[in-house]
Amino acid sequence: MPEHELATPSEVADYLHTTAAALAQDRYLGRGLPYTKHGRKVLYRWADVDAYLAANTVNPGAA
């Protein structure tokens, strides 16, 4: 994860091994990662990306 606080959809997509289009679809459907907009530019906070991953971790076999 880079040292700057904000990330573009392309950077987040690379980090999550997905596509920027998949992130855009999630935004359109109102699900997925929290994001902010600066004008027309979409930005994600790295802290939100990590929190989202932690909240959506699946532990198979855990009771």
PDB file of N, CA and C in Angstrom:
ATOM      1  N   MET A   1       0.854  -1.172   0.000  1.00  0.00           N
ATOM      2  CA  MET A   1       0.000   0.000   0.000  1.00  0.00           C
ATOM      3  C   MET A   1       0.900   1.234   0.000  1.00  0.00           C
ATOM      4  N   PRO A   2       0.663   2.179  -0.901  1.00  0.00           N
ATOM      5  CA  PRO A   2       1.463   3.402  -0.968  1.00  0.00           C
ATOM      6  C   PRO A   2       1.302   4.262   0.281  1.00  0.00           C
ATOM      7  N   GLU A   3       2.212   5.215   0.432  1.00  0.00           N
ATOM      8  CA  GLU A   3       2.215   6.049   1.632  1.00  0.00           C
ATOM      9  C   GLU A   3       1.188   7.166   1.598  1.00  0.00           C
ATOM     10  N   HIS A   4       0.713   7.577   0.422  1.00  0.00           N
ATOM     11  CA  HIS A   4      -0.274   8.654   0.386  1.00  0.00           C
ATOM     12  C   HIS A   4      -1.636   8.126   0.832  1.00  0.00           C
ATOM     13  N   GLU A   5      -2.448   9.022   1.345  1.00  0.00           N
ATOM     14  CA  GLU A   5      -3.713   8.635   1.981  1.00  0.00           C
ATOM     15  C   GLU A   5      -4.809   8.262   0.986  1.00  0.00           C
ATOM     16  N   LEU A   6      -4.833   8.910  -0.179  1.00  0.00           N
ATOM     17  CA  LEU A   6      -5.909   8.702  -1.151  1.00  0.00           C
ATOM     18  C   LEU A   6      -5.422   7.888  -2.346  1.00  0.00           C
ATOM     19  N   ALA A   7      -6.348   7.149  -2.938  1.00  0.00           N
ATOM     20  CA  ALA A   7      -6.018   6.299  -4.076  1.00  0.00           C
ATOM     21  C   ALA A   7      -7.067   6.448  -5.165  1.00  0.00           C
ATOM     22  N   THR A   8      -6.638   6.282  -6.394  1.00  0.00           N
ATOM     23  CA  THR A   8      -7.548   6.296  -7.535  1.00  0.00           C
ATOM     24  C   THR A   8      -8.201   4.913  -7.659  1.00  0.00           C
ATOM     25  N   PRO A   9      -9.292   4.829  -8.415  1.00  0.00           N
ATOM     26  CA  PRO A   9      -9.898   3.514  -8.641  1.00  0.00           C
ATOM     27  C   PRO A   9      -8.915   2.509  -9.260  1.00  0.00           C
ATOM     28  N   SER A  10      -8.049   2.958 -10.140  1.00  0.00           N
ATOM     29  CA  SER A  10      -7.072   2.051 -10.754  1.00  0.00           C
ATOM     30  C   SER A  10      -6.103   1.488  -9.722  1.00  0.00           C
ATOM     31  N   GLU A  11      -5.645   2.332  -8.808  1.00  0.00           N
ATOM     32  CA  GLU A  11      -4.727   1.874  -7.763  1.00  0.00           C
ATOM     33  C   GLU A  11      -5.403   0.864  -6.845  1.00  0.00           C
ATOM     34  N   VAL A  12      -6.636   1.147  -6.461  1.00  0.00           N
ATOM     35  CA  VAL A  12      -7.372   0.235  -5.582  1.00  0.00           C
ATOM     36  C   VAL A  12      -7.667  -1.071  -6.317  1.00  0.00           C
ATOM     37  N   ALA A  13      -8.027  -0.985  -7.578  1.00  0.00           N
ATOM     38  CA  ALA A  13      -8.305  -2.191  -8.364  1.00  0.00           C
ATOM     39  C   ALA A  13      -7.067  -3.081  -8.440  1.00  0.00           C
ATOM     40  N   ASP A  14      -5.904  -2.492  -8.665  1.00  0.00           N
ATOM     41  CA  ASP A  14      -4.667  -3.276  -8.692  1.00  0.00           C
ATOM     42  C   ASP A  14      -4.420  -3.943  -7.341  1.00  0.00           C
ATOM     43  N   TYR A  15      -4.628  -3.213  -6.272  1.00  0.00           N
ATOM     44  CA  TYR A  15      -4.406  -3.712  -4.913  1.00  0.00           C
ATOM     45  C   TYR A  15      -5.343  -4.878  -4.595  1.00  0.00           C
ATOM     46  N   LEU A  16      -6.590  -4.790  -5.058  1.00  0.00           N
ATOM     47  CA  LEU A  16      -7.598  -5.814  -4.768  1.00  0.00           C
ATOM     48  C   LEU A  16      -7.689  -6.902  -5.843  1.00  0.00           C
ATOM     49  N   HIS A  17      -6.858  -6.809  -6.869  1.00  0.00           N
ATOM     50  CA  HIS A  17      -6.879  -7.770  -7.977  1.00  0.00           C
ATOM     51  C   HIS A  17      -8.254  -7.832  -8.639  1.00  0.00           C
ATOM     52  N   THR A  18      -8.784  -6.663  -8.943  1.00  0.00           N
ATOM     53  CA  THR A  18     -10.054  -6.536  -9.648  1.00  0.00           C
ATOM     54  C   THR A  18      -9.883  -5.456 -10.711  1.00  0.00           C
ATOM     55  N   THR A  19     -10.973  -4.947 -11.239  1.00  0.00           N
ATOM     56  CA  THR A  19     -10.893  -3.902 -12.261  1.00  0.00           C
ATOM     57  C   THR A  19     -11.522  -2.610 -11.756  1.00  0.00           C
ATOM     58  N   ALA A  20     -11.110  -1.516 -12.364  1.00  0.00           N
ATOM     59  CA  ALA A  20     -11.719  -0.222 -12.045  1.00  0.00           C
ATOM     60  C   ALA A  20     -13.194  -0.236 -12.435  1.00  0.00           C
ATOM     61  N   ALA A  21     -13.537  -0.975 -13.488  1.00  0.00           N
ATOM     62  CA  ALA A  21     -14.939  -1.078 -13.913  1.00  0.00           C
ATOM     63  C   ALA A  21     -15.779  -1.788 -12.853  1.00  0.00           C
ATOM     64  N   ALA A  22     -15.225  -2.795 -12.194  1.00  0.00           N
ATOM     65  CA  ALA A  22     -15.956  -3.488 -11.127  1.00  0.00           C
ATOM     66  C   ALA A  22     -16.199  -2.544  -9.950  1.00  0.00           C
ATOM     67  N   LEU A  23     -15.220  -1.712  -9.632  1.00  0.00           N
ATOM     68  CA  LEU A  23     -15.403  -0.724  -8.566  1.00  0.00           C
ATOM     69  C   LEU A  23     -16.469   0.292  -8.960  1.00  0.00           C
ATOM     70  N   ALA A  24     -16.469   0.702 -10.226  1.00  0.00           N
ATOM     71  CA  ALA A  24     -17.478   1.648 -10.714  1.00  0.00           C
ATOM     72  C   ALA A  24     -18.872   1.034 -10.630  1.00  0.00           C
ATOM     73  N   GLN A  25     -18.991  -0.233 -10.964  1.00  0.00           N
ATOM     74  CA  GLN A  25     -20.285  -0.922 -10.881  1.00  0.00           C
ATOM     75  C   GLN A  25     -20.767  -0.973  -9.432  1.00  0.00           C
ATOM     76  N   ASP A  26     -19.859  -1.260  -8.511  1.00  0.00           N
ATOM     77  CA  ASP A  26     -20.232  -1.269  -7.089  1.00  0.00           C
ATOM     78  C   ASP A  26     -20.700   0.110  -6.639  1.00  0.00           C
ATOM     79  N   ARG A  27     -20.022   1.165  -7.087  1.00  0.00           N
ATOM     80  CA  ARG A  27     -20.452   2.522  -6.731  1.00  0.00           C
ATOM     81  C   ARG A  27     -21.841   2.788  -7.278  1.00  0.00           C
ATOM     82  N   TYR A  28     -22.092   2.395  -8.509  1.00  0.00           N
ATOM     83  CA  TYR A  28     -23.387   2.600  -9.154  1.00  0.00           C
ATOM     84  C   TYR A  28     -24.501   1.879  -8.392  1.00  0.00           C
ATOM     85  N   LEU A  29     -24.200   0.676  -7.914  1.00  0.00           N
ATOM     86  CA  LEU A  29     -25.195  -0.131  -7.200  1.00  0.00           C
ATOM     87  C   LEU A  29     -25.286   0.220  -5.717  1.00  0.00           C
ATOM     88  N   GLY A  30     -24.451   1.144  -5.260  1.00  0.00           N
ATOM     89  CA  GLY A  30     -24.495   1.572  -3.867  1.00  0.00           C
ATOM     90  C   GLY A  30     -23.927   0.564  -2.891  1.00  0.00           C
ATOM     91  N   ARG A  31     -22.965  -0.208  -3.334  1.00  0.00           N
ATOM     92  CA  ARG A  31     -22.344  -1.201  -2.460  1.00  0.00           C
ATOM     93  C   ARG A  31     -20.822  -1.090  -2.574  1.00  0.00           C
ATOM     94  N   GLY A  32     -20.147  -1.883  -1.795  1.00  0.00           N
ATOM     95  CA  GLY A  32     -18.694  -1.910  -1.896  1.00  0.00           C
ATOM     96  C   GLY A  32     -18.019  -0.878  -1.020  1.00  0.00           C
ATOM     97  N   LEU A  33     -16.880  -0.425  -1.473  1.00  0.00           N
ATOM     98  CA  LEU A  33     -16.013   0.461  -0.698  1.00  0.00           C
ATOM     99  C   LEU A  33     -16.560   1.870  -0.566  1.00  0.00           C
ATOM    100  N   PRO A  34     -16.344   2.497   0.592  1.00  0.00           N
ATOM    101  CA  PRO A  34     -16.665   3.921   0.704  1.00  0.00           C
ATOM    102  C   PRO A  34     -15.713   4.722  -0.184  1.00  0.00           C
ATOM    103  N   TYR A  35     -16.197   5.797  -0.737  1.00  0.00           N
ATOM    104  CA  TYR A  35     -15.362   6.630  -1.608  1.00  0.00           C
ATOM    105  C   TYR A  35     -15.752   8.083  -1.439  1.00  0.00           C
ATOM    106  N   THR A  36     -14.912   8.945  -1.967  1.00  0.00           N
ATOM    107  CA  THR A  36     -15.193  10.371  -1.954  1.00  0.00           C
ATOM    108  C   THR A  36     -15.007  10.897  -3.369  1.00  0.00           C
ATOM    109  N   LYS A  37     -15.622  12.023  -3.653  1.00  0.00           N
ATOM    110  CA  LYS A  37     -15.468  12.634  -4.971  1.00  0.00           C
ATOM    111  C   LYS A  37     -14.908  14.037  -4.806  1.00  0.00           C
ATOM    112  N   HIS A  38     -13.952  14.344  -5.628  1.00  0.00           N
ATOM    113  CA  HIS A  38     -13.388  15.688  -5.706  1.00  0.00           C
ATOM    114  C   HIS A  38     -13.692  16.159  -7.121  1.00  0.00           C
ATOM    115  N   GLY A  39     -14.750  16.942  -7.254  1.00  0.00           N
ATOM    116  CA  GLY A  39     -15.236  17.270  -8.595  1.00  0.00           C
ATOM    117  C   GLY A  39     -15.807  16.004  -9.201  1.00  0.00           C
ATOM    118  N   ARG A  40     -15.280  15.612 -10.343  1.00  0.00           N
ATOM    119  CA  ARG A  40     -15.715  14.369 -10.991  1.00  0.00           C
ATOM    120  C   ARG A  40     -14.805  13.195 -10.667  1.00  0.00           C
ATOM    121  N   LYS A  41     -13.714  13.473  -9.972  1.00  0.00           N
ATOM    122  CA  LYS A  41     -12.719  12.442  -9.681  1.00  0.00           C
ATOM    123  C   LYS A  41     -13.116  11.629  -8.449  1.00  0.00           C
ATOM    124  N   VAL A  42     -13.116  10.319  -8.592  1.00  0.00           N
ATOM    125  CA  VAL A  42     -13.422   9.399  -7.496  1.00  0.00           C
ATOM    126  C   VAL A  42     -12.114   9.023  -6.806  1.00  0.00           C
ATOM    127  N   LEU A  43     -12.127   9.084  -5.478  1.00  0.00           N
ATOM    128  CA  LEU A  43     -10.954   8.721  -4.693  1.00  0.00           C
ATOM    129  C   LEU A  43     -11.363   7.823  -3.534  1.00  0.00           C
ATOM    130  N   TYR A  44     -10.464   6.933  -3.164  1.00  0.00           N
ATOM    131  CA  TYR A  44     -10.663   6.036  -2.027  1.00  0.00           C
ATOM    132  C   TYR A  44      -9.589   6.324  -0.986  1.00  0.00           C
ATOM    133  N   ARG A  45      -9.939   6.170   0.285  1.00  0.00           N
ATOM    134  CA  ARG A  45      -8.947   6.264   1.358  1.00  0.00           C
ATOM    135  C   ARG A  45      -8.408   4.856   1.616  1.00  0.00           C
ATOM    136  N   TRP A  46      -7.084   4.747   1.704  1.00  0.00           N
ATOM    137  CA  TRP A  46      -6.485   3.439   1.955  1.00  0.00           C
ATOM    138  C   TRP A  46      -6.990   2.844   3.263  1.00  0.00           C
ATOM    139  N   ALA A  47      -7.210   3.678   4.267  1.00  0.00           N
ATOM    140  CA  ALA A  47      -7.721   3.174   5.549  1.00  0.00           C
ATOM    141  C   ALA A  47      -9.096   2.534   5.366  1.00  0.00           C
ATOM    142  N   ASP A  48      -9.936   3.110   4.492  1.00  0.00           N
ATOM    143  CA  ASP A  48     -11.258   2.537   4.220  1.00  0.00           C
ATOM    144  C   ASP A  48     -11.143   1.211   3.473  1.00  0.00           C
ATOM    145  N   VAL A  49     -10.171   1.116   2.573  1.00  0.00           N
ATOM    146  CA  VAL A  49      -9.961  -0.132   1.826  1.00  0.00           C
ATOM    147  C   VAL A  49      -9.580  -1.245   2.797  1.00  0.00           C
ATOM    148  N   ASP A  50      -8.624  -0.958   3.689  1.00  0.00           N
ATOM    149  CA  ASP A  50      -8.198  -1.971   4.658  1.00  0.00           C
ATOM    150  C   ASP A  50      -9.318  -2.332   5.629  1.00  0.00           C
ATOM    151  N   ALA A  51     -10.096  -1.343   6.064  1.00  0.00           N
ATOM    152  CA  ALA A  51     -11.219  -1.613   6.963  1.00  0.00           C
ATOM    153  C   ALA A  51     -12.273  -2.474   6.270  1.00  0.00           C
ATOM    154  N   TYR A  52     -12.528  -2.211   5.004  1.00  0.00           N
ATOM    155  CA  TYR A  52     -13.497  -2.996   4.236  1.00  0.00           C
ATOM    156  C   TYR A  52     -13.028  -4.450   4.125  1.00  0.00           C
ATOM    157  N   LEU A  53     -11.744  -4.642   3.850  1.00  0.00           N
ATOM    158  CA  LEU A  53     -11.207  -5.998   3.762  1.00  0.00           C
ATOM    159  C   LEU A  53     -11.330  -6.725   5.098  1.00  0.00           C
ATOM    160  N   ALA A  54     -11.017  -6.043   6.182  1.00  0.00           N
ATOM    161  CA  ALA A  54     -11.105  -6.658   7.508  1.00  0.00           C
ATOM    162  C   ALA A  54     -12.550  -7.019   7.852  1.00  0.00           C
ATOM    163  N   ALA A  55     -13.480  -6.154   7.503  1.00  0.00           N
ATOM    164  CA  ALA A  55     -14.892  -6.388   7.819  1.00  0.00           C
ATOM    165  C   ALA A  55     -15.502  -7.495   6.965  1.00  0.00           C
ATOM    166  N   ASN A  56     -14.907  -7.770   5.819  1.00  0.00           N
ATOM    167  CA  ASN A  56     -15.467  -8.764   4.906  1.00  0.00           C
ATOM    168  C   ASN A  56     -14.617 -10.024   4.799  1.00  0.00           C
ATOM    169  N   THR A  57     -13.768 -10.250   5.785  1.00  0.00           N
ATOM    170  CA  THR A  57     -12.947 -11.452   5.810  1.00  0.00           C
ATOM    171  C   THR A  57     -13.807 -12.639   6.231  1.00  0.00           C
ATOM    172  N   VAL A  58     -13.686 -13.734   5.500  1.00  0.00           N
ATOM    173  CA  VAL A  58     -14.437 -14.955   5.791  1.00  0.00           C
ATOM    174  C   VAL A  58     -13.472 -15.973   6.386  1.00  0.00           C
ATOM    175  N   ASN A  59     -13.844 -16.543   7.519  1.00  0.00           N
ATOM    176  CA  ASN A  59     -13.046 -17.576   8.175  1.00  0.00           C
ATOM    177  C   ASN A  59     -13.798 -18.894   8.091  1.00  0.00           C
ATOM    178  N   PRO A  60     -13.511 -19.713   7.080  1.00  0.00           N
ATOM    179  CA  PRO A  60     -14.215 -20.986   6.940  1.00  0.00           C
ATOM    180  C   PRO A  60     -14.012 -21.873   8.173  1.00  0.00           C
ATOM    181  N   GLY A  61     -15.070 -22.479   8.604  1.00  0.00           N
ATOM    182  CA  GLY A  61     -15.012 -23.379   9.741  1.00  0.00           C
ATOM    183  C   GLY A  61     -15.078 -22.697  11.092  1.00  0.00           C
ATOM    184  N   ALA A  62     -15.049 -21.370  11.110  1.00  0.00           N
ATOM    185  CA  ALA A  62     -15.144 -20.658  12.389  1.00  0.00           C
ATOM    186  C   ALA A  62     -16.591 -20.687  12.866  1.00  0.00           C
ATOM    187  N   ALA A  63     -16.759 -20.927  14.138  1.00  0.00           N
ATOM    188  CA  ALA A  63     -18.124 -21.016  14.678  1.00  0.00           C
ATOM    189  C   ALA A  63     -18.652 -19.679  15.098  1.00  0.00           C
TER     190      ALA A  63
END
